[in-house]
Amino acid sequence: PIISLYLGAGLGDVVALALAGTATVFFA
C-alpha cells in the first residue's frame, strides 16, 4: 500500500531512486 501511494501520486521515480539508494547502501 505504501508503494501504491507513491505510484498513484506519480512518484515512480522516487520509488526507483529509493530502491537504488537502498541497494547501494547495503552493498557498499
mmCIF file of all heavy atoms, coordinates in Angstrom:
data_MODEL
# 
_entry.id   MODEL 
# 
loop_
_atom_site.group_PDB 
_atom_site.id 
_atom_site.type_symbol 
_atom_site.label_atom_id 
_atom_site.label_alt_id 
_atom_site.label_comp_id 
_atom_site.label_asym_id 
_atom_site.label_entity_id 
_atom_site.label_seq_id 
_atom_site.pdbx_PDB_ins_code 
_atom_site.Cartn_x 
_atom_site.Cartn_y 
_atom_site.Cartn_z 
_atom_site.occupancy 
_atom_site.B_iso_or_equiv 
_atom_site.pdbx_formal_charge 
_atom_site.auth_seq_id 
_atom_site.auth_comp_id 
_atom_site.auth_asym_id 
_atom_site.auth_atom_id 
_atom_site.pdbx_PDB_model_num 
ATOM 1   N N   . PRO A 1 1  ? 0.807  -1.224 0.000   1.00 0.00 ? 1  PRO A N   1 
ATOM 2   C CA  . PRO A 1 1  ? 0.000  0.000  0.000   1.00 0.00 ? 1  PRO A CA  1 
ATOM 3   C C   . PRO A 1 1  ? 0.840  1.276  0.000   1.00 0.00 ? 1  PRO A C   1 
ATOM 4   O O   . PRO A 1 1  ? 0.443  2.286  -0.576  1.00 0.00 ? 1  PRO A O   1 
ATOM 5   C CB  . PRO A 1 1  ? -0.823 -0.119 1.300   1.00 0.00 ? 1  PRO A CB  1 
ATOM 6   C CG  . PRO A 1 1  ? -0.869 -1.586 1.582   1.00 0.00 ? 1  PRO A CG  1 
ATOM 7   C CD  . PRO A 1 1  ? 0.457  -2.107 1.135   1.00 0.00 ? 1  PRO A CD  1 
ATOM 8   N N   . ILE A 1 2  ? 2.007  1.227  0.654   1.00 0.00 ? 2  ILE A N   1 
ATOM 9   C CA  . ILE A 1 2  ? 2.882  2.407  0.694   1.00 0.00 ? 2  ILE A CA  1 
ATOM 10  C C   . ILE A 1 2  ? 3.382  2.746  -0.704  1.00 0.00 ? 2  ILE A C   1 
ATOM 11  O O   . ILE A 1 2  ? 3.312  3.898  -1.152  1.00 0.00 ? 2  ILE A O   1 
ATOM 12  C CB  . ILE A 1 2  ? 4.070  2.167  1.642   1.00 0.00 ? 2  ILE A CB  1 
ATOM 13  C CG1 . ILE A 1 2  ? 3.582  1.994  3.080   1.00 0.00 ? 2  ILE A CG1 1 
ATOM 14  C CG2 . ILE A 1 2  ? 5.055  3.336  1.560   1.00 0.00 ? 2  ILE A CG2 1 
ATOM 15  C CD1 . ILE A 1 2  ? 4.680  1.623  4.061   1.00 0.00 ? 2  ILE A CD1 1 
ATOM 16  N N   . ILE A 1 3  ? 3.870  1.732  -1.400  1.00 0.00 ? 3  ILE A N   1 
ATOM 17  C CA  . ILE A 1 3  ? 4.381  1.955  -2.761  1.00 0.00 ? 3  ILE A CA  1 
ATOM 18  C C   . ILE A 1 3  ? 3.257  2.389  -3.691  1.00 0.00 ? 3  ILE A C   1 
ATOM 19  O O   . ILE A 1 3  ? 3.454  3.239  -4.576  1.00 0.00 ? 3  ILE A O   1 
ATOM 20  C CB  . ILE A 1 3  ? 5.065  0.681  -3.286  1.00 0.00 ? 3  ILE A CB  1 
ATOM 21  C CG1 . ILE A 1 3  ? 6.288  0.354  -2.421  1.00 0.00 ? 3  ILE A CG1 1 
ATOM 22  C CG2 . ILE A 1 3  ? 5.487  0.856  -4.742  1.00 0.00 ? 3  ILE A CG2 1 
ATOM 23  C CD1 . ILE A 1 3  ? 6.977  -0.937 -2.799  1.00 0.00 ? 3  ILE A CD1 1 
ATOM 24  N N   . SER A 1 4  ? 2.064  1.831  -3.485  1.00 0.00 ? 4  SER A N   1 
ATOM 25  C CA  . SER A 1 4  ? 0.911  2.207  -4.310  1.00 0.00 ? 4  SER A CA  1 
ATOM 26  C C   . SER A 1 4  ? 0.610  3.693  -4.184  1.00 0.00 ? 4  SER A C   1 
ATOM 27  O O   . SER A 1 4  ? 0.248  4.360  -5.167  1.00 0.00 ? 4  SER A O   1 
ATOM 28  C CB  . SER A 1 4  ? -0.313 1.388  -3.914  1.00 0.00 ? 4  SER A CB  1 
ATOM 29  O OG  . SER A 1 4  ? -0.165 0.033  -4.268  1.00 0.00 ? 4  SER A OG  1 
ATOM 30  N N   . LEU A 1 5  ? 0.751  4.232  -2.968  1.00 0.00 ? 5  LEU A N   1 
ATOM 31  C CA  . LEU A 1 5  ? 0.507  5.659  -2.755  1.00 0.00 ? 5  LEU A CA  1 
ATOM 32  C C   . LEU A 1 5  ? 1.479  6.509  -3.572  1.00 0.00 ? 5  LEU A C   1 
ATOM 33  O O   . LEU A 1 5  ? 1.091  7.501  -4.181  1.00 0.00 ? 5  LEU A O   1 
ATOM 34  C CB  . LEU A 1 5  ? 0.636  5.992  -1.271  1.00 0.00 ? 5  LEU A CB  1 
ATOM 35  C CG  . LEU A 1 5  ? -0.506 5.534  -0.352  1.00 0.00 ? 5  LEU A CG  1 
ATOM 36  C CD1 . LEU A 1 5  ? -0.173 5.824  1.103   1.00 0.00 ? 5  LEU A CD1 1 
ATOM 37  C CD2 . LEU A 1 5  ? -1.810 6.221  -0.745  1.00 0.00 ? 5  LEU A CD2 1 
ATOM 38  N N   . TYR A 1 6  ? 2.735  6.105  -3.573  1.00 0.00 ? 6  TYR A N   1 
ATOM 39  C CA  . TYR A 1 6  ? 3.746  6.854  -4.322  1.00 0.00 ? 6  TYR A CA  1 
ATOM 40  C C   . TYR A 1 6  ? 3.508  6.755  -5.821  1.00 0.00 ? 6  TYR A C   1 
ATOM 41  O O   . TYR A 1 6  ? 3.612  7.750  -6.545  1.00 0.00 ? 6  TYR A O   1 
ATOM 42  C CB  . TYR A 1 6  ? 5.145  6.344  -3.973  1.00 0.00 ? 6  TYR A CB  1 
ATOM 43  C CG  . TYR A 1 6  ? 5.666  6.885  -2.666  1.00 0.00 ? 6  TYR A CG  1 
ATOM 44  C CD1 . TYR A 1 6  ? 5.299  6.303  -1.455  1.00 0.00 ? 6  TYR A CD1 1 
ATOM 45  C CD2 . TYR A 1 6  ? 6.515  7.983  -2.626  1.00 0.00 ? 6  TYR A CD2 1 
ATOM 46  C CE1 . TYR A 1 6  ? 5.772  6.798  -0.246  1.00 0.00 ? 6  TYR A CE1 1 
ATOM 47  C CE2 . TYR A 1 6  ? 7.000  8.487  -1.428  1.00 0.00 ? 6  TYR A CE2 1 
ATOM 48  C CZ  . TYR A 1 6  ? 6.614  7.888  -0.238  1.00 0.00 ? 6  TYR A CZ  1 
ATOM 49  O OH  . TYR A 1 6  ? 7.072  8.388  0.951   1.00 0.00 ? 6  TYR A OH  1 
ATOM 50  N N   . LEU A 1 7  ? 3.199  5.556  -6.281  1.00 0.00 ? 7  LEU A N   1 
ATOM 51  C CA  . LEU A 1 7  ? 2.940  5.382  -7.708  1.00 0.00 ? 7  LEU A CA  1 
ATOM 52  C C   . LEU A 1 7  ? 1.691  6.133  -8.134  1.00 0.00 ? 7  LEU A C   1 
ATOM 53  O O   . LEU A 1 7  ? 1.641  6.728  -9.212  1.00 0.00 ? 7  LEU A O   1 
ATOM 54  C CB  . LEU A 1 7  ? 2.798  3.892  -8.035  1.00 0.00 ? 7  LEU A CB  1 
ATOM 55  C CG  . LEU A 1 7  ? 4.049  3.031  -7.819  1.00 0.00 ? 7  LEU A CG  1 
ATOM 56  C CD1 . LEU A 1 7  ? 3.755  1.579  -8.172  1.00 0.00 ? 7  LEU A CD1 1 
ATOM 57  C CD2 . LEU A 1 7  ? 5.221  3.558  -8.641  1.00 0.00 ? 7  LEU A CD2 1 
ATOM 58  N N   . GLY A 1 8  ? 0.676  6.126  -7.266  1.00 0.00 ? 8  GLY A N   1 
ATOM 59  C CA  . GLY A 1 8  ? -0.562 6.838  -7.558  1.00 0.00 ? 8  GLY A CA  1 
ATOM 60  C C   . GLY A 1 8  ? -0.367 8.335  -7.621  1.00 0.00 ? 8  GLY A C   1 
ATOM 61  O O   . GLY A 1 8  ? -1.102 9.042  -8.312  1.00 0.00 ? 8  GLY A O   1 
ATOM 62  N N   . ALA A 1 9  ? 0.650  8.831  -6.896  1.00 0.00 ? 9  ALA A N   1 
ATOM 63  C CA  . ALA A 1 9  ? 0.952  10.265 -6.900  1.00 0.00 ? 9  ALA A CA  1 
ATOM 64  C C   . ALA A 1 9  ? 1.925  10.627 -8.021  1.00 0.00 ? 9  ALA A C   1 
ATOM 65  O O   . ALA A 1 9  ? 2.401  11.763 -8.081  1.00 0.00 ? 9  ALA A O   1 
ATOM 66  C CB  . ALA A 1 9  ? 1.521  10.685 -5.553  1.00 0.00 ? 9  ALA A CB  1 
ATOM 67  N N   . GLY A 1 10 ? 2.221  9.666  -8.882  1.00 0.00 ? 10 GLY A N   1 
ATOM 68  C CA  . GLY A 1 10 ? 3.149  9.932  -9.980  1.00 0.00 ? 10 GLY A CA  1 
ATOM 69  C C   . GLY A 1 10 ? 4.598  9.999  -9.546  1.00 0.00 ? 10 GLY A C   1 
ATOM 70  O O   . GLY A 1 10 ? 5.413  10.669 -10.197 1.00 0.00 ? 10 GLY A O   1 
ATOM 71  N N   . LEU A 1 11 ? 4.928  9.302  -8.448  1.00 0.00 ? 11 LEU A N   1 
ATOM 72  C CA  . LEU A 1 11 ? 6.286  9.353  -7.913  1.00 0.00 ? 11 LEU A CA  1 
ATOM 73  C C   . LEU A 1 11 ? 7.010  8.024  -8.098  1.00 0.00 ? 11 LEU A C   1 
ATOM 74  O O   . LEU A 1 11 ? 7.733  7.562  -7.213  1.00 0.00 ? 11 LEU A O   1 
ATOM 75  C CB  . LEU A 1 11 ? 6.247  9.730  -6.427  1.00 0.00 ? 11 LEU A CB  1 
ATOM 76  C CG  . LEU A 1 11 ? 5.718  11.131 -6.112  1.00 0.00 ? 11 LEU A CG  1 
ATOM 77  C CD1 . LEU A 1 11 ? 5.615  11.341 -4.621  1.00 0.00 ? 11 LEU A CD1 1 
ATOM 78  C CD2 . LEU A 1 11 ? 6.611  12.189 -6.748  1.00 0.00 ? 11 LEU A CD2 1 
ATOM 79  N N   . GLY A 1 12 ? 6.810  7.442  -9.263  1.00 0.00 ? 12 GLY A N   1 
ATOM 80  C CA  . GLY A 1 12 ? 7.511  6.201  -9.550  1.00 0.00 ? 12 GLY A CA  1 
ATOM 81  C C   . GLY A 1 12 ? 9.019  6.369  -9.539  1.00 0.00 ? 12 GLY A C   1 
ATOM 82  O O   . GLY A 1 12 ? 9.758  5.457  -9.159  1.00 0.00 ? 12 GLY A O   1 
ATOM 83  N N   . ASP A 1 13 ? 9.491  7.545  -9.930  1.00 0.00 ? 13 ASP A N   1 
ATOM 84  C CA  . ASP A 1 13 ? 10.930 7.807  -9.924  1.00 0.00 ? 13 ASP A CA  1 
ATOM 85  C C   . ASP A 1 13 ? 11.479 7.835  -8.500  1.00 0.00 ? 13 ASP A C   1 
ATOM 86  O O   . ASP A 1 13 ? 12.631 7.451  -8.265  1.00 0.00 ? 13 ASP A O   1 
ATOM 87  C CB  . ASP A 1 13 ? 11.234 9.123  -10.633 1.00 0.00 ? 13 ASP A CB  1 
ATOM 88  C CG  . ASP A 1 13 ? 10.475 10.300 -10.030 1.00 0.00 ? 13 ASP A CG  1 
ATOM 89  O OD1 . ASP A 1 13 ? 9.371  10.083 -9.482  1.00 0.00 ? 13 ASP A OD1 1 
ATOM 90  O OD2 . ASP A 1 13 ? 10.980 11.436 -10.118 1.00 0.00 ? 13 ASP A OD2 1 
ATOM 91  N N   . VAL A 1 14 ? 10.643 8.272  -7.556  1.00 0.00 ? 14 VAL A N   1 
ATOM 92  C CA  . VAL A 1 14 ? 11.057 8.284  -6.156  1.00 0.00 ? 14 VAL A CA  1 
ATOM 93  C C   . VAL A 1 14 ? 11.234 6.855  -5.646  1.00 0.00 ? 14 VAL A C   1 
ATOM 94  O O   . VAL A 1 14 ? 12.204 6.547  -4.941  1.00 0.00 ? 14 VAL A O   1 
ATOM 95  C CB  . VAL A 1 14 ? 10.023 9.047  -5.291  1.00 0.00 ? 14 VAL A CB  1 
ATOM 96  C CG1 . VAL A 1 14 ? 10.268 8.791  -3.812  1.00 0.00 ? 14 VAL A CG1 1 
ATOM 97  C CG2 . VAL A 1 14 ? 10.091 10.537 -5.580  1.00 0.00 ? 14 VAL A CG2 1 
ATOM 98  N N   . VAL A 1 15 ? 10.286 5.987  -6.006  1.00 0.00 ? 15 VAL A N   1 
ATOM 99  C CA  . VAL A 1 15 ? 10.379 4.579  -5.599  1.00 0.00 ? 15 VAL A CA  1 
ATOM 100 C C   . VAL A 1 15 ? 11.637 3.939  -6.182  1.00 0.00 ? 15 VAL A C   1 
ATOM 101 O O   . VAL A 1 15 ? 12.371 3.234  -5.483  1.00 0.00 ? 15 VAL A O   1 
ATOM 102 C CB  . VAL A 1 15 ? 9.131  3.797  -6.048  1.00 0.00 ? 15 VAL A CB  1 
ATOM 103 C CG1 . VAL A 1 15 ? 9.270  2.311  -5.706  1.00 0.00 ? 15 VAL A CG1 1 
ATOM 104 C CG2 . VAL A 1 15 ? 7.873  4.361  -5.399  1.00 0.00 ? 15 VAL A CG2 1 
ATOM 105 N N   . ALA A 1 16 ? 11.891 4.200  -7.457  1.00 0.00 ? 16 ALA A N   1 
ATOM 106 C CA  . ALA A 1 16 ? 13.078 3.638  -8.110  1.00 0.00 ? 16 ALA A CA  1 
ATOM 107 C C   . ALA A 1 16 ? 14.357 4.164  -7.468  1.00 0.00 ? 16 ALA A C   1 
ATOM 108 O O   . ALA A 1 16 ? 15.316 3.407  -7.254  1.00 0.00 ? 16 ALA A O   1 
ATOM 109 C CB  . ALA A 1 16 ? 13.055 3.974  -9.599  1.00 0.00 ? 16 ALA A CB  1 
ATOM 110 N N   . LEU A 1 17 ? 14.376 5.448  -7.137  1.00 0.00 ? 17 LEU A N   1 
ATOM 111 C CA  . LEU A 1 17 ? 15.560 6.052  -6.522  1.00 0.00 ? 17 LEU A CA  1 
ATOM 112 C C   . LEU A 1 17 ? 15.778 5.487  -5.122  1.00 0.00 ? 17 LEU A C   1 
ATOM 113 O O   . LEU A 1 17 ? 16.927 5.245  -4.713  1.00 0.00 ? 17 LEU A O   1 
ATOM 114 C CB  . LEU A 1 17 ? 15.393 7.572  -6.460  1.00 0.00 ? 17 LEU A CB  1 
ATOM 115 C CG  . LEU A 1 17 ? 16.622 8.382  -5.997  1.00 0.00 ? 17 LEU A CG  1 
ATOM 116 C CD1 . LEU A 1 17 ? 17.823 8.087  -6.896  1.00 0.00 ? 17 LEU A CD1 1 
ATOM 117 C CD2 . LEU A 1 17 ? 16.306 9.873  -6.021  1.00 0.00 ? 17 LEU A CD2 1 
ATOM 118 N N   . ALA A 1 18 ? 14.688 5.273  -4.379  1.00 0.00 ? 18 ALA A N   1 
ATOM 119 C CA  . ALA A 1 18 ? 14.803 4.700  -3.041  1.00 0.00 ? 18 ALA A CA  1 
ATOM 120 C C   . ALA A 1 18 ? 15.332 3.271  -3.108  1.00 0.00 ? 18 ALA A C   1 
ATOM 121 O O   . ALA A 1 18 ? 16.162 2.858  -2.280  1.00 0.00 ? 18 ALA A O   1 
ATOM 122 C CB  . ALA A 1 18 ? 13.444 4.726  -2.337  1.00 0.00 ? 18 ALA A CB  1 
ATOM 123 N N   . LEU A 1 19 ? 14.868 2.511  -4.088  1.00 0.00 ? 19 LEU A N   1 
ATOM 124 C CA  . LEU A 1 19 ? 15.366 1.137  -4.279  1.00 0.00 ? 19 LEU A CA  1 
ATOM 125 C C   . LEU A 1 19 ? 16.858 1.141  -4.604  1.00 0.00 ? 19 LEU A C   1 
ATOM 126 O O   . LEU A 1 19 ? 17.637 0.380  -4.027  1.00 0.00 ? 19 LEU A O   1 
ATOM 127 C CB  . LEU A 1 19 ? 14.589 0.448  -5.402  1.00 0.00 ? 19 LEU A CB  1 
ATOM 128 C CG  . LEU A 1 19 ? 13.219 -0.123 -5.052  1.00 0.00 ? 19 LEU A CG  1 
ATOM 129 C CD1 . LEU A 1 19 ? 12.499 -0.585 -6.315  1.00 0.00 ? 19 LEU A CD1 1 
ATOM 130 C CD2 . LEU A 1 19 ? 13.362 -1.287 -4.070  1.00 0.00 ? 19 LEU A CD2 1 
ATOM 131 N N   . ALA A 1 20 ? 17.249 2.016  -5.532  1.00 0.00 ? 20 ALA A N   1 
ATOM 132 C CA  . ALA A 1 20 ? 18.646 2.099  -5.924  1.00 0.00 ? 20 ALA A CA  1 
ATOM 133 C C   . ALA A 1 20 ? 19.518 2.546  -4.753  1.00 0.00 ? 20 ALA A C   1 
ATOM 134 O O   . ALA A 1 20 ? 20.615 2.018  -4.533  1.00 0.00 ? 20 ALA A O   1 
ATOM 135 C CB  . ALA A 1 20 ? 18.803 3.063  -7.095  1.00 0.00 ? 20 ALA A CB  1 
ATOM 136 N N   . GLY A 1 21 ? 19.020 3.525  -4.003  1.00 0.00 ? 21 GLY A N   1 
ATOM 137 C CA  . GLY A 1 21 ? 19.769 4.020  -2.848  1.00 0.00 ? 21 GLY A CA  1 
ATOM 138 C C   . GLY A 1 21 ? 19.938 2.959  -1.784  1.00 0.00 ? 21 GLY A C   1 
ATOM 139 O O   . GLY A 1 21 ? 21.017 2.813  -1.194  1.00 0.00 ? 21 GLY A O   1 
ATOM 140 N N   . THR A 1 22 ? 18.869 2.189  -1.540  1.00 0.00 ? 22 THR A N   1 
ATOM 141 C CA  . THR A 1 22 ? 18.929 1.126  -0.538  1.00 0.00 ? 22 THR A CA  1 
ATOM 142 C C   . THR A 1 22 ? 19.932 0.053  -0.944  1.00 0.00 ? 22 THR A C   1 
ATOM 143 O O   . THR A 1 22 ? 20.744 -0.387 -0.127  1.00 0.00 ? 22 THR A O   1 
ATOM 144 C CB  . THR A 1 22 ? 17.544 0.471  -0.361  1.00 0.00 ? 22 THR A CB  1 
ATOM 145 O OG1 . THR A 1 22 ? 16.596 1.478  0.027   1.00 0.00 ? 22 THR A OG1 1 
ATOM 146 C CG2 . THR A 1 22 ? 17.588 -0.610 0.703   1.00 0.00 ? 22 THR A CG2 1 
ATOM 147 N N   . ALA A 1 23 ? 19.880 -0.355 -2.212  1.00 0.00 ? 23 ALA A N   1 
ATOM 148 C CA  . ALA A 1 23 ? 20.820 -1.366 -2.707  1.00 0.00 ? 23 ALA A CA  1 
ATOM 149 C C   . ALA A 1 23 ? 22.255 -0.872 -2.610  1.00 0.00 ? 23 ALA A C   1 
ATOM 150 O O   . ALA A 1 23 ? 23.164 -1.620 -2.206  1.00 0.00 ? 23 ALA A O   1 
ATOM 151 C CB  . ALA A 1 23 ? 20.474 -1.734 -4.147  1.00 0.00 ? 23 ALA A CB  1 
ATOM 152 N N   . THR A 1 24 ? 22.475 0.395  -2.962  1.00 0.00 ? 24 THR A N   1 
ATOM 153 C CA  . THR A 1 24 ? 23.826 0.962  -2.917  1.00 0.00 ? 24 THR A CA  1 
ATOM 154 C C   . THR A 1 24 ? 24.369 0.984  -1.496  1.00 0.00 ? 24 THR A C   1 
ATOM 155 O O   . THR A 1 24 ? 25.524 0.603  -1.255  1.00 0.00 ? 24 THR A O   1 
ATOM 156 C CB  . THR A 1 24 ? 23.816 2.400  -3.486  1.00 0.00 ? 24 THR A CB  1 
ATOM 157 O OG1 . THR A 1 24 ? 23.372 2.368  -4.844  1.00 0.00 ? 24 THR A OG1 1 
ATOM 158 C CG2 . THR A 1 24 ? 25.205 3.011  -3.421  1.00 0.00 ? 24 THR A CG2 1 
ATOM 159 N N   . VAL A 1 25 ? 23.541 1.417  -0.554  1.00 0.00 ? 25 VAL A N   1 
ATOM 160 C CA  . VAL A 1 25 ? 23.974 1.477  0.847   1.00 0.00 ? 25 VAL A CA  1 
ATOM 161 C C   . VAL A 1 25 ? 24.318 0.083  1.358   1.00 0.00 ? 25 VAL A C   1 
ATOM 162 O O   . VAL A 1 25 ? 25.380 -0.129 1.978   1.00 0.00 ? 25 VAL A O   1 
ATOM 163 C CB  . VAL A 1 25 ? 22.869 2.106  1.724   1.00 0.00 ? 25 VAL A CB  1 
ATOM 164 C CG1 . VAL A 1 25 ? 23.206 1.938  3.203   1.00 0.00 ? 25 VAL A CG1 1 
ATOM 165 C CG2 . VAL A 1 25 ? 22.704 3.581  1.392   1.00 0.00 ? 25 VAL A CG2 1 
ATOM 166 N N   . PHE A 1 26 ? 23.445 -0.884 1.095   1.00 0.00 ? 26 PHE A N   1 
ATOM 167 C CA  . PHE A 1 26 ? 23.679 -2.234 1.606   1.00 0.00 ? 26 PHE A CA  1 
ATOM 168 C C   . PHE A 1 26 ? 24.949 -2.857 1.027   1.00 0.00 ? 26 PHE A C   1 
ATOM 169 O O   . PHE A 1 26 ? 25.794 -3.370 1.762   1.00 0.00 ? 26 PHE A O   1 
ATOM 170 C CB  . PHE A 1 26 ? 22.482 -3.133 1.301   1.00 0.00 ? 26 PHE A CB  1 
ATOM 171 C CG  . PHE A 1 26 ? 22.713 -4.572 1.677   1.00 0.00 ? 26 PHE A CG  1 
ATOM 172 C CD1 . PHE A 1 26 ? 22.729 -4.960 3.009   1.00 0.00 ? 26 PHE A CD1 1 
ATOM 173 C CD2 . PHE A 1 26 ? 22.941 -5.534 0.701   1.00 0.00 ? 26 PHE A CD2 1 
ATOM 174 C CE1 . PHE A 1 26 ? 22.974 -6.281 3.359   1.00 0.00 ? 26 PHE A CE1 1 
ATOM 175 C CE2 . PHE A 1 26 ? 23.180 -6.852 1.045   1.00 0.00 ? 26 PHE A CE2 1 
ATOM 176 C CZ  . PHE A 1 26 ? 23.188 -7.231 2.377   1.00 0.00 ? 26 PHE A CZ  1 
ATOM 177 N N   . PHE A 1 27 ? 25.084 -2.802 -0.292  1.00 0.00 ? 27 PHE A N   1 
ATOM 178 C CA  . PHE A 1 27 ? 26.246 -3.426 -0.919  1.00 0.00 ? 27 PHE A CA  1 
ATOM 179 C C   . PHE A 1 27 ? 27.547 -2.714 -0.547  1.00 0.00 ? 27 PHE A C   1 
ATOM 180 O O   . PHE A 1 27 ? 28.587 -3.362 -0.354  1.00 0.00 ? 27 PHE A O   1 
ATOM 181 C CB  . PHE A 1 27 ? 26.074 -3.465 -2.437  1.00 0.00 ? 27 PHE A CB  1 
ATOM 182 C CG  . PHE A 1 27 ? 25.100 -4.507 -2.904  1.00 0.00 ? 27 PHE A CG  1 
ATOM 183 C CD1 . PHE A 1 27 ? 23.945 -4.141 -3.582  1.00 0.00 ? 27 PHE A CD1 1 
ATOM 184 C CD2 . PHE A 1 27 ? 25.319 -5.851 -2.646  1.00 0.00 ? 27 PHE A CD2 1 
ATOM 185 C CE1 . PHE A 1 27 ? 23.037 -5.099 -4.000  1.00 0.00 ? 27 PHE A CE1 1 
ATOM 186 C CE2 . PHE A 1 27 ? 24.422 -6.825 -3.060  1.00 0.00 ? 27 PHE A CE2 1 
ATOM 187 C CZ  . PHE A 1 27 ? 23.281 -6.453 -3.742  1.00 0.00 ? 27 PHE A CZ  1 
ATOM 188 N N   . ALA A 1 28 ? 27.496 -1.397 -0.433  1.00 0.00 ? 28 ALA A N   1 
ATOM 189 C CA  . ALA A 1 28 ? 28.704 -0.645 -0.077  1.00 0.00 ? 28 ALA A CA  1 
ATOM 190 C C   . ALA A 1 28 ? 29.155 -0.978 1.347   1.00 0.00 ? 28 ALA A C   1 
ATOM 191 O O   . ALA A 1 28 ? 30.344 -1.214 1.595   1.00 0.00 ? 28 ALA A O   1 
ATOM 192 C CB  . ALA A 1 28 ? 28.440 0.855  -0.215  1.00 0.00 ? 28 ALA A CB  1 
# 
